[in-house]
């Protein structure tokens, strides 16, 4: 059960809205490739998403690392990355 304004638990099931927000927010990114593994959601004046991702720098022989990609989708429909946290391979 999610409390109003609270975050859901992470899920490996991606709603069509979550998929669309991820695609829109990451469209045109260069340098790092993100592959979402799980998502948590928070309903606000719009929607916040936290995507747990495998991330890989786009260079030969780069290793994967974990990342949390935070995305906000406004009521008007614009999705933007608001924060990126990476873990491992420092």
C-alpha atoms as a PDB file:
ATOM      1  CA  UNK A   1       0.000   0.000   0.000  1.00  0.00           C
ATOM      2  CA  UNK A   2       1.328   3.419  -0.972  1.00  0.00           C
ATOM      3  CA  UNK A   3       0.693   6.458   1.207  1.00  0.00           C
ATOM      4  CA  UNK A   4      -0.371   9.598  -0.685  1.00  0.00           C
ATOM      5  CA  UNK A   5       2.806  11.466  -1.599  1.00  0.00           C
ATOM      6  CA  UNK A   6       4.932   8.486  -0.551  1.00  0.00           C
ATOM      7  CA  UNK A   7       7.091   6.311  -2.730  1.00  0.00           C
ATOM      8  CA  UNK A   8       5.974   2.911  -3.955  1.00  0.00           C
ATOM      9  CA  UNK A   9       8.289  -0.037  -3.479  1.00  0.00           C
ATOM     10  CA  UNK A  10      10.566  -0.872  -6.405  1.00  0.00           C
ATOM     11  CA  UNK A  11       8.982  -3.122  -8.985  1.00  0.00           C
ATOM     12  CA  UNK A  12      10.313  -4.880 -12.062  1.00  0.00           C
ATOM     13  CA  UNK A  13       6.926  -4.305 -13.730  1.00  0.00           C
ATOM     14  CA  UNK A  14       7.007  -1.111 -15.799  1.00  0.00           C
ATOM     15  CA  UNK A  15       3.714   0.589 -16.599  1.00  0.00           C
ATOM     16  CA  UNK A  16       3.379   2.092 -20.062  1.00  0.00           C
ATOM     17  CA  UNK A  17       3.533   5.533 -18.394  1.00  0.00           C
ATOM     18  CA  UNK A  18       6.816   4.694 -16.635  1.00  0.00           C
ATOM     19  CA  UNK A  19       8.309   3.328 -19.868  1.00  0.00           C
ATOM     20  CA  UNK A  20       7.273   6.472 -21.759  1.00  0.00           C
ATOM     21  CA  UNK A  21       8.702   8.773 -19.064  1.00  0.00           C
ATOM     22  CA  UNK A  22      12.034   6.899 -19.111  1.00  0.00           C
ATOM     23  CA  UNK A  23      12.247   6.996 -22.905  1.00  0.00           C
ATOM     24  CA  UNK A  24      11.392  10.702 -23.086  1.00  0.00           C
ATOM     25  CA  UNK A  25      13.795  11.708 -20.305  1.00  0.00           C
ATOM     26  CA  UNK A  26      16.737   9.724 -21.712  1.00  0.00           C
ATOM     27  CA  UNK A  27      16.148  10.549 -25.384  1.00  0.00           C
ATOM     28  CA  UNK A  28      19.275  12.133 -26.801  1.00  0.00           C
ATOM     29  CA  UNK A  29      21.560  11.223 -23.880  1.00  0.00           C
ATOM     30  CA  UNK A  30      25.117  10.522 -24.961  1.00  0.00           C
ATOM     31  CA  UNK A  31      28.062   9.052 -23.141  1.00  0.00           C
ATOM     32  CA  UNK A  32      26.188   6.609 -20.883  1.00  0.00           C
ATOM     33  CA  UNK A  33      23.647   3.934 -21.718  1.00  0.00           C
ATOM     34  CA  UNK A  34      20.985   3.244 -19.049  1.00  0.00           C
ATOM     35  CA  UNK A  35      18.975   0.006 -18.914  1.00  0.00           C
ATOM     36  CA  UNK A  36      16.188   0.143 -16.308  1.00  0.00           C
ATOM     37  CA  UNK A  37      15.809  -2.872 -14.020  1.00  0.00           C
ATOM     38  CA  UNK A  38      13.188  -1.624 -11.527  1.00  0.00           C
ATOM     39  CA  UNK A  39      11.093   1.470 -10.870  1.00  0.00           C
ATOM     40  CA  UNK A  40       9.540   3.235  -7.867  1.00  0.00           C
ATOM     41  CA  UNK A  41       6.871   5.921  -8.286  1.00  0.00           C
ATOM     42  CA  UNK A  42       5.614   8.918  -6.311  1.00  0.00           C
ATOM     43  CA  UNK A  43       2.477  10.851  -7.223  1.00  0.00           C
ATOM     44  CA  UNK A  44       2.906  14.596  -6.732  1.00  0.00           C
ATOM     45  CA  UNK A  45       1.784  17.486  -8.969  1.00  0.00           C
ATOM     46  CA  UNK A  46       2.865  15.182 -11.783  1.00  0.00           C
ATOM     47  CA  UNK A  47       4.844  12.025 -11.060  1.00  0.00           C
ATOM     48  CA  UNK A  48       8.337  11.252  -9.795  1.00  0.00           C
ATOM     49  CA  UNK A  49      10.087   8.075 -10.858  1.00  0.00           C
ATOM     50  CA  UNK A  50      13.254   6.461  -9.544  1.00  0.00           C
ATOM     51  CA  UNK A  51      14.654   4.014 -12.059  1.00  0.00           C
ATOM     52  CA  UNK A  52      17.206   1.511 -10.764  1.00  0.00           C
ATOM     53  CA  UNK A  53      19.420   0.933 -13.811  1.00  0.00           C
ATOM     54  CA  UNK A  54      22.421  -0.841 -15.179  1.00  0.00           C
ATOM     55  CA  UNK A  55      24.598   1.927 -16.557  1.00  0.00           C
ATOM     56  CA  UNK A  56      27.475   1.638 -18.978  1.00  0.00           C
ATOM     57  CA  UNK A  57      29.759   4.351 -20.253  1.00  0.00           C
ATOM     58  CA  UNK A  58      29.676   4.146 -24.025  1.00  0.00           C
ATOM     59  CA  UNK A  59      33.324   3.283 -24.673  1.00  0.00           C
ATOM     60  CA  UNK A  60      34.914  -0.036 -25.640  1.00  0.00           C
ATOM     61  CA  UNK A  61      35.286  -2.546 -22.791  1.00  0.00           C
ATOM     62  CA  UNK A  62      33.500  -0.359 -20.229  1.00  0.00           C
ATOM     63  CA  UNK A  63      32.066  -2.190 -17.223  1.00  0.00           C
ATOM     64  CA  UNK A  64      28.513  -1.848 -15.976  1.00  0.00           C
ATOM     65  CA  UNK A  65      27.666  -0.073 -12.741  1.00  0.00           C
ATOM     66  CA  UNK A  66      24.454   0.587 -10.838  1.00  0.00           C
ATOM     67  CA  UNK A  67      22.616   3.902 -11.076  1.00  0.00           C
ATOM     68  CA  UNK A  68      19.454   5.519  -9.772  1.00  0.00           C
ATOM     69  CA  UNK A  69      17.998   7.818 -12.414  1.00  0.00           C
ATOM     70  CA  UNK A  70      15.372  10.207 -10.989  1.00  0.00           C
ATOM     71  CA  UNK A  71      12.801  11.498 -13.481  1.00  0.00           C
ATOM     72  CA  UNK A  72       9.961  14.000 -13.056  1.00  0.00           C
ATOM     73  CA  UNK A  73       6.998  13.919 -15.429  1.00  0.00           C
ATOM     74  CA  UNK A  74       4.958  17.105 -15.207  1.00  0.00           C
ATOM     75  CA  UNK A  75       1.193  17.343 -15.531  1.00  0.00           C
ATOM     76  CA  UNK A  76       1.838  18.919 -18.943  1.00  0.00           C
ATOM     77  CA  UNK A  77       3.602  15.715 -19.956  1.00  0.00           C
ATOM     78  CA  UNK A  78       7.277  16.740 -20.072  1.00  0.00           C
ATOM     79  CA  UNK A  79       9.667  14.174 -18.557  1.00  0.00           C
ATOM     80  CA  UNK A  80      13.116  15.318 -17.398  1.00  0.00           C
ATOM     81  CA  UNK A  81      15.996  13.807 -15.445  1.00  0.00           C
ATOM     82  CA  UNK A  82      16.261  15.517 -12.057  1.00  0.00           C
ATOM     83  CA  UNK A  83      19.104  13.517 -10.472  1.00  0.00           C
ATOM     84  CA  UNK A  84      21.548  10.708 -11.198  1.00  0.00           C
ATOM     85  CA  UNK A  85      23.315   8.668  -8.545  1.00  0.00           C
ATOM     86  CA  UNK A  86      25.886   6.066  -9.520  1.00  0.00           C
ATOM     87  CA  UNK A  87      27.299   3.223  -7.452  1.00  0.00           C
ATOM     88  CA  UNK A  88      30.444   1.188  -7.973  1.00  0.00           C
ATOM     89  CA  UNK A  89      33.317   1.494 -10.401  1.00  0.00           C
ATOM     90  CA  UNK A  90      34.374   4.858  -8.954  1.00  0.00           C
END
